[in-house]
Amino acid sequence: MKKIKRFFNYLKYFLLSKYGFVIIFMAFFVWVLFFDKNSIIAQRQLAKVNAGVRKEIDESKKMIIEKQSQINALTDSLKVIEKYAREYYQMQGENEDVFLFEK
């Protein structure tokens, strides 16, 4: 029993010394760096995913603006609607032939 008390007494003095604080700090730093669920490595991976998602959002916003401008242009006149239908849906007028070319 005395040996256990002596061991814990030495351990208490060692942990309260400057070396003990350094060891505790280093153990905490290693734990946070590698083993915690919110580790620095996990945060960097999440930042990469976040950047990718933000890029996709920006591309989607640009596409929405482009499509909105096309919709606005289509609602303006009948000739524009006819041109759009011919270009994108290969529609034809009366007495016309449609030729499709593949690249």
N, C-alpha and C. Protein backbone atom coordinates (compact mmCIF):
# COMPACT_ATOMS: atom_id res chain seq x y z
N MET A 1 0.82 -1.19 0.00
CA MET A 1 0.00 0.00 0.00
C MET A 1 0.86 1.26 0.00
N LYS A 2 1.98 1.19 0.74
CA LYS A 2 2.87 2.34 0.80
C LYS A 2 3.50 2.60 -0.57
N LYS A 3 3.78 1.51 -1.29
CA LYS A 3 4.39 1.67 -2.60
C LYS A 3 3.43 2.35 -3.57
N ILE A 4 2.15 2.02 -3.47
CA ILE A 4 1.16 2.64 -4.35
C ILE A 4 1.01 4.11 -4.01
N LYS A 5 0.97 4.43 -2.69
CA LYS A 5 0.87 5.84 -2.28
C LYS A 5 2.10 6.62 -2.72
N ARG A 6 3.28 6.02 -2.58
CA ARG A 6 4.51 6.68 -2.99
C ARG A 6 4.51 6.90 -4.51
N PHE A 7 4.03 5.90 -5.25
CA PHE A 7 3.98 6.03 -6.71
C PHE A 7 3.06 7.19 -7.12
N PHE A 8 1.88 7.27 -6.52
CA PHE A 8 0.95 8.34 -6.86
C PHE A 8 1.46 9.69 -6.38
N ASN A 9 2.19 9.70 -5.30
CA ASN A 9 2.79 10.94 -4.81
C ASN A 9 3.83 11.45 -5.80
N TYR A 10 4.71 10.55 -6.29
CA TYR A 10 5.70 10.93 -7.31
C TYR A 10 5.00 11.36 -8.61
N LEU A 11 3.96 10.65 -8.96
CA LEU A 11 3.22 10.98 -10.18
C LEU A 11 2.60 12.36 -10.07
N LYS A 12 2.03 12.69 -8.91
CA LYS A 12 1.42 13.99 -8.70
C LYS A 12 2.47 15.09 -8.82
N TYR A 13 3.63 14.93 -8.22
CA TYR A 13 4.67 15.95 -8.31
C TYR A 13 5.24 16.06 -9.73
N PHE A 14 5.32 14.91 -10.41
CA PHE A 14 5.84 14.97 -11.78
C PHE A 14 4.86 15.69 -12.71
N LEU A 15 3.55 15.37 -12.59
CA LEU A 15 2.56 15.99 -13.47
C LEU A 15 2.41 17.48 -13.19
N LEU A 16 2.66 17.90 -11.94
CA LEU A 16 2.55 19.31 -11.62
C LEU A 16 3.83 20.08 -11.92
N SER A 17 4.88 19.40 -12.29
CA SER A 17 6.13 20.08 -12.65
C SER A 17 6.03 20.59 -14.08
N LYS A 18 7.05 21.35 -14.51
CA LYS A 18 7.02 21.90 -15.87
C LYS A 18 7.10 20.80 -16.92
N TYR A 19 7.78 19.72 -16.65
CA TYR A 19 7.85 18.61 -17.60
C TYR A 19 6.49 17.92 -17.74
N GLY A 20 5.81 17.81 -16.64
CA GLY A 20 4.48 17.21 -16.68
C GLY A 20 3.52 18.02 -17.53
N PHE A 21 3.56 19.37 -17.37
CA PHE A 21 2.71 20.23 -18.17
C PHE A 21 3.04 20.10 -19.66
N VAL A 22 4.31 20.00 -19.98
CA VAL A 22 4.72 19.85 -21.38
C VAL A 22 4.21 18.53 -21.94
N ILE A 23 4.33 17.47 -21.18
CA ILE A 23 3.87 16.16 -21.65
C ILE A 23 2.36 16.15 -21.82
N ILE A 24 1.64 16.73 -20.87
CA ILE A 24 0.19 16.80 -20.98
C ILE A 24 -0.22 17.63 -22.19
N PHE A 25 0.45 18.76 -22.40
CA PHE A 25 0.14 19.61 -23.55
C PHE A 25 0.42 18.88 -24.86
N MET A 26 1.54 18.19 -24.95
CA MET A 26 1.88 17.45 -26.17
C MET A 26 0.87 16.33 -26.43
N ALA A 27 0.46 15.63 -25.37
CA ALA A 27 -0.53 14.56 -25.53
C ALA A 27 -1.85 15.14 -26.03
N PHE A 28 -2.26 16.27 -25.47
CA PHE A 28 -3.48 16.93 -25.91
C PHE A 28 -3.36 17.37 -27.37
N PHE A 29 -2.24 17.94 -27.73
CA PHE A 29 -2.01 18.40 -29.10
C PHE A 29 -2.08 17.24 -30.09
N VAL A 30 -1.44 16.13 -29.76
CA VAL A 30 -1.47 14.96 -30.64
C VAL A 30 -2.88 14.42 -30.75
N TRP A 31 -3.60 14.38 -29.63
CA TRP A 31 -4.98 13.90 -29.65
C TRP A 31 -5.85 14.76 -30.57
N VAL A 32 -5.76 16.06 -30.42
CA VAL A 32 -6.57 16.97 -31.24
C VAL A 32 -6.15 16.90 -32.70
N LEU A 33 -4.89 16.76 -32.96
CA LEU A 33 -4.39 16.75 -34.32
C LEU A 33 -4.81 15.51 -35.09
N PHE A 34 -4.80 14.35 -34.45
CA PHE A 34 -5.00 13.11 -35.20
C PHE A 34 -6.24 12.31 -34.81
N PHE A 35 -6.62 12.25 -33.55
CA PHE A 35 -7.60 11.27 -33.11
C PHE A 35 -8.99 11.82 -32.85
N ASP A 36 -9.15 13.08 -32.65
CA ASP A 36 -10.45 13.66 -32.35
C ASP A 36 -11.32 13.65 -33.60
N LYS A 37 -12.65 13.59 -33.43
CA LYS A 37 -13.51 13.58 -34.61
C LYS A 37 -13.50 14.94 -35.32
N ASN A 38 -13.14 15.99 -34.64
CA ASN A 38 -13.00 17.31 -35.24
C ASN A 38 -11.52 17.67 -35.41
N SER A 39 -10.73 16.71 -35.83
CA SER A 39 -9.29 16.95 -35.94
C SER A 39 -8.98 17.91 -37.09
N ILE A 40 -7.77 18.37 -37.10
CA ILE A 40 -7.35 19.31 -38.14
C ILE A 40 -7.41 18.66 -39.51
N ILE A 41 -7.08 17.40 -39.58
CA ILE A 41 -7.13 16.68 -40.85
C ILE A 41 -8.57 16.61 -41.37
N ALA A 42 -9.51 16.31 -40.49
CA ALA A 42 -10.91 16.26 -40.88
C ALA A 42 -11.41 17.65 -41.30
N GLN A 43 -10.94 18.68 -40.62
CA GLN A 43 -11.34 20.04 -40.97
C GLN A 43 -10.84 20.42 -42.36
N ARG A 44 -9.62 20.02 -42.71
CA ARG A 44 -9.10 20.31 -44.05
C ARG A 44 -9.89 19.58 -45.11
N GLN A 45 -10.25 18.33 -44.86
CA GLN A 45 -11.05 17.58 -45.84
C GLN A 45 -12.42 18.23 -46.02
N LEU A 46 -13.03 18.66 -44.93
CA LEU A 46 -14.32 19.33 -45.03
C LEU A 46 -14.20 20.66 -45.76
N ALA A 47 -13.09 21.36 -45.59
CA ALA A 47 -12.88 22.62 -46.30
C ALA A 47 -12.78 22.38 -47.81
N LYS A 48 -12.12 21.30 -48.21
CA LYS A 48 -12.04 20.97 -49.65
C LYS A 48 -13.42 20.66 -50.21
N VAL A 49 -14.19 19.88 -49.48
CA VAL A 49 -15.54 19.55 -49.94
C VAL A 49 -16.38 20.81 -50.03
N ASN A 50 -16.24 21.68 -49.03
CA ASN A 50 -16.98 22.93 -49.00
C ASN A 50 -16.63 23.80 -50.21
N ALA A 51 -15.35 23.87 -50.56
CA ALA A 51 -14.93 24.66 -51.72
C ALA A 51 -15.53 24.09 -53.00
N GLY A 52 -15.57 22.77 -53.12
CA GLY A 52 -16.17 22.15 -54.30
C GLY A 52 -17.65 22.45 -54.42
N VAL A 53 -18.34 22.39 -53.29
CA VAL A 53 -19.78 22.68 -53.30
C VAL A 53 -20.04 24.14 -53.64
N ARG A 54 -19.22 25.03 -53.11
CA ARG A 54 -19.38 26.45 -53.44
C ARG A 54 -19.16 26.71 -54.93
N LYS A 55 -18.20 26.01 -55.52
CA LYS A 55 -17.94 26.16 -56.95
C LYS A 55 -19.15 25.67 -57.75
N GLU A 56 -19.74 24.54 -57.34
CA GLU A 56 -20.93 24.03 -58.02
C GLU A 56 -22.10 25.01 -57.89
N ILE A 57 -22.23 25.63 -56.73
CA ILE A 57 -23.31 26.60 -56.52
C ILE A 57 -23.12 27.79 -57.45
N ASP A 58 -21.88 28.28 -57.58
CA ASP A 58 -21.62 29.41 -58.47
C ASP A 58 -21.93 29.05 -59.92
N GLU A 59 -21.54 27.85 -60.35
CA GLU A 59 -21.83 27.42 -61.72
C GLU A 59 -23.34 27.30 -61.93
N SER A 60 -24.05 26.80 -60.93
CA SER A 60 -25.50 26.68 -61.05
C SER A 60 -26.16 28.05 -61.13
N LYS A 61 -25.67 29.00 -60.36
CA LYS A 61 -26.23 30.36 -60.42
C LYS A 61 -26.01 30.98 -61.80
N LYS A 62 -24.81 30.77 -62.37
CA LYS A 62 -24.55 31.30 -63.71
C LYS A 62 -25.47 30.65 -64.74
N MET A 63 -25.68 29.33 -64.63
CA MET A 63 -26.56 28.64 -65.56
C MET A 63 -28.00 29.11 -65.40
N ILE A 64 -28.43 29.37 -64.18
CA ILE A 64 -29.79 29.87 -63.95
C ILE A 64 -29.96 31.23 -64.59
N ILE A 65 -28.98 32.10 -64.45
CA ILE A 65 -29.06 33.43 -65.06
C ILE A 65 -29.12 33.31 -66.58
N GLU A 66 -28.28 32.43 -67.14
CA GLU A 66 -28.27 32.23 -68.59
C GLU A 66 -29.62 31.70 -69.08
N LYS A 67 -30.16 30.71 -68.40
CA LYS A 67 -31.44 30.15 -68.80
C LYS A 67 -32.57 31.15 -68.63
N GLN A 68 -32.49 31.96 -67.59
CA GLN A 68 -33.51 32.99 -67.38
C GLN A 68 -33.50 34.01 -68.50
N SER A 69 -32.29 34.38 -68.95
CA SER A 69 -32.21 35.33 -70.07
C SER A 69 -32.74 34.70 -71.35
N GLN A 70 -32.51 33.39 -71.55
CA GLN A 70 -33.08 32.71 -72.71
C GLN A 70 -34.60 32.67 -72.65
N ILE A 71 -35.13 32.44 -71.47
CA ILE A 71 -36.59 32.43 -71.31
C ILE A 71 -37.17 33.80 -71.60
N ASN A 72 -36.52 34.82 -71.10
CA ASN A 72 -36.99 36.19 -71.35
C ASN A 72 -36.93 36.51 -72.83
N ALA A 73 -35.87 36.06 -73.52
CA ALA A 73 -35.75 36.32 -74.96
C ALA A 73 -36.82 35.55 -75.73
N LEU A 74 -37.15 34.35 -75.28
CA LEU A 74 -38.16 33.55 -75.98
C LEU A 74 -39.56 34.14 -75.85
N THR A 75 -39.84 34.76 -74.77
CA THR A 75 -41.17 35.30 -74.57
C THR A 75 -41.38 36.62 -75.30
N ASP A 76 -40.32 37.15 -75.90
CA ASP A 76 -40.45 38.46 -76.56
C ASP A 76 -41.13 38.38 -77.92
N SER A 77 -40.73 37.45 -78.76
CA SER A 77 -41.30 37.44 -80.11
C SER A 77 -41.47 36.02 -80.63
N LEU A 78 -42.32 35.90 -81.60
CA LEU A 78 -42.61 34.61 -82.21
C LEU A 78 -41.45 34.12 -83.06
N LYS A 79 -40.71 35.01 -83.70
CA LYS A 79 -39.59 34.61 -84.54
C LYS A 79 -38.48 33.98 -83.70
N VAL A 80 -38.26 34.49 -82.53
CA VAL A 80 -37.23 33.93 -81.65
C VAL A 80 -37.64 32.53 -81.20
N ILE A 81 -38.91 32.34 -80.91
CA ILE A 81 -39.40 31.02 -80.50
C ILE A 81 -39.24 30.03 -81.65
N GLU A 82 -39.57 30.47 -82.85
CA GLU A 82 -39.42 29.61 -84.02
C GLU A 82 -37.96 29.24 -84.25
N LYS A 83 -37.06 30.20 -84.11
CA LYS A 83 -35.62 29.94 -84.28
C LYS A 83 -35.13 28.95 -83.24
N TYR A 84 -35.56 29.13 -82.00
CA TYR A 84 -35.14 28.22 -80.92
C TYR A 84 -35.64 26.80 -81.19
N ALA A 85 -36.88 26.67 -81.61
CA ALA A 85 -37.45 25.34 -81.89
C ALA A 85 -36.70 24.67 -83.02
N ARG A 86 -36.32 25.42 -84.04
CA ARG A 86 -35.59 24.84 -85.17
C ARG A 86 -34.19 24.40 -84.75
N GLU A 87 -33.52 25.20 -83.93
CA GLU A 87 -32.13 24.89 -83.56
C GLU A 87 -32.04 23.74 -82.56
N TYR A 88 -32.90 23.74 -81.56
CA TYR A 88 -32.74 22.79 -80.46
C TYR A 88 -33.62 21.55 -80.58
N TYR A 89 -34.74 21.66 -81.27
CA TYR A 89 -35.65 20.52 -81.37
C TYR A 89 -35.80 20.01 -82.79
N GLN A 90 -35.01 20.52 -83.72
CA GLN A 90 -35.01 20.12 -85.12
C GLN A 90 -36.42 20.12 -85.72
N MET A 91 -37.19 21.12 -85.40
CA MET A 91 -38.53 21.25 -85.97
C MET A 91 -38.42 21.93 -87.33
N GLN A 92 -39.45 21.75 -88.11
CA GLN A 92 -39.42 22.31 -89.46
C GLN A 92 -40.74 23.00 -89.77
N GLY A 93 -40.65 23.92 -90.70
CA GLY A 93 -41.85 24.59 -91.17
C GLY A 93 -42.46 23.80 -92.33
N GLU A 94 -43.56 24.32 -92.85
CA GLU A 94 -44.20 23.65 -93.98
C GLU A 94 -43.31 23.75 -95.21
N ASN A 95 -43.26 22.67 -95.98
CA ASN A 95 -42.48 22.59 -97.20
C ASN A 95 -40.99 22.81 -96.95
N GLU A 96 -40.48 22.33 -95.83
CA GLU A 96 -39.04 22.45 -95.52
C GLU A 96 -38.50 21.07 -95.19
N ASP A 97 -37.22 20.89 -95.46
CA ASP A 97 -36.53 19.66 -95.07
C ASP A 97 -35.48 20.01 -94.02
N VAL A 98 -35.26 19.10 -93.07
CA VAL A 98 -34.27 19.32 -92.01
C VAL A 98 -33.12 18.34 -92.24
N PHE A 99 -31.92 18.87 -92.30
CA PHE A 99 -30.73 18.05 -92.44
C PHE A 99 -29.93 18.13 -91.14
N LEU A 100 -29.59 17.01 -90.54
CA LEU A 100 -28.83 16.97 -89.30
C LEU A 100 -27.41 16.53 -89.60
N PHE A 101 -26.45 17.26 -89.07
CA PHE A 101 -25.04 16.94 -89.25
C PHE A 101 -24.46 16.57 -87.90
N GLU A 102 -23.74 15.48 -87.84
CA GLU A 102 -23.08 15.07 -86.60
C GLU A 102 -21.62 15.44 -86.65
N LYS A 103 -21.10 15.82 -85.52
CA LYS A 103 -19.68 16.21 -85.46
C LYS A 103 -18.82 15.00 -85.23
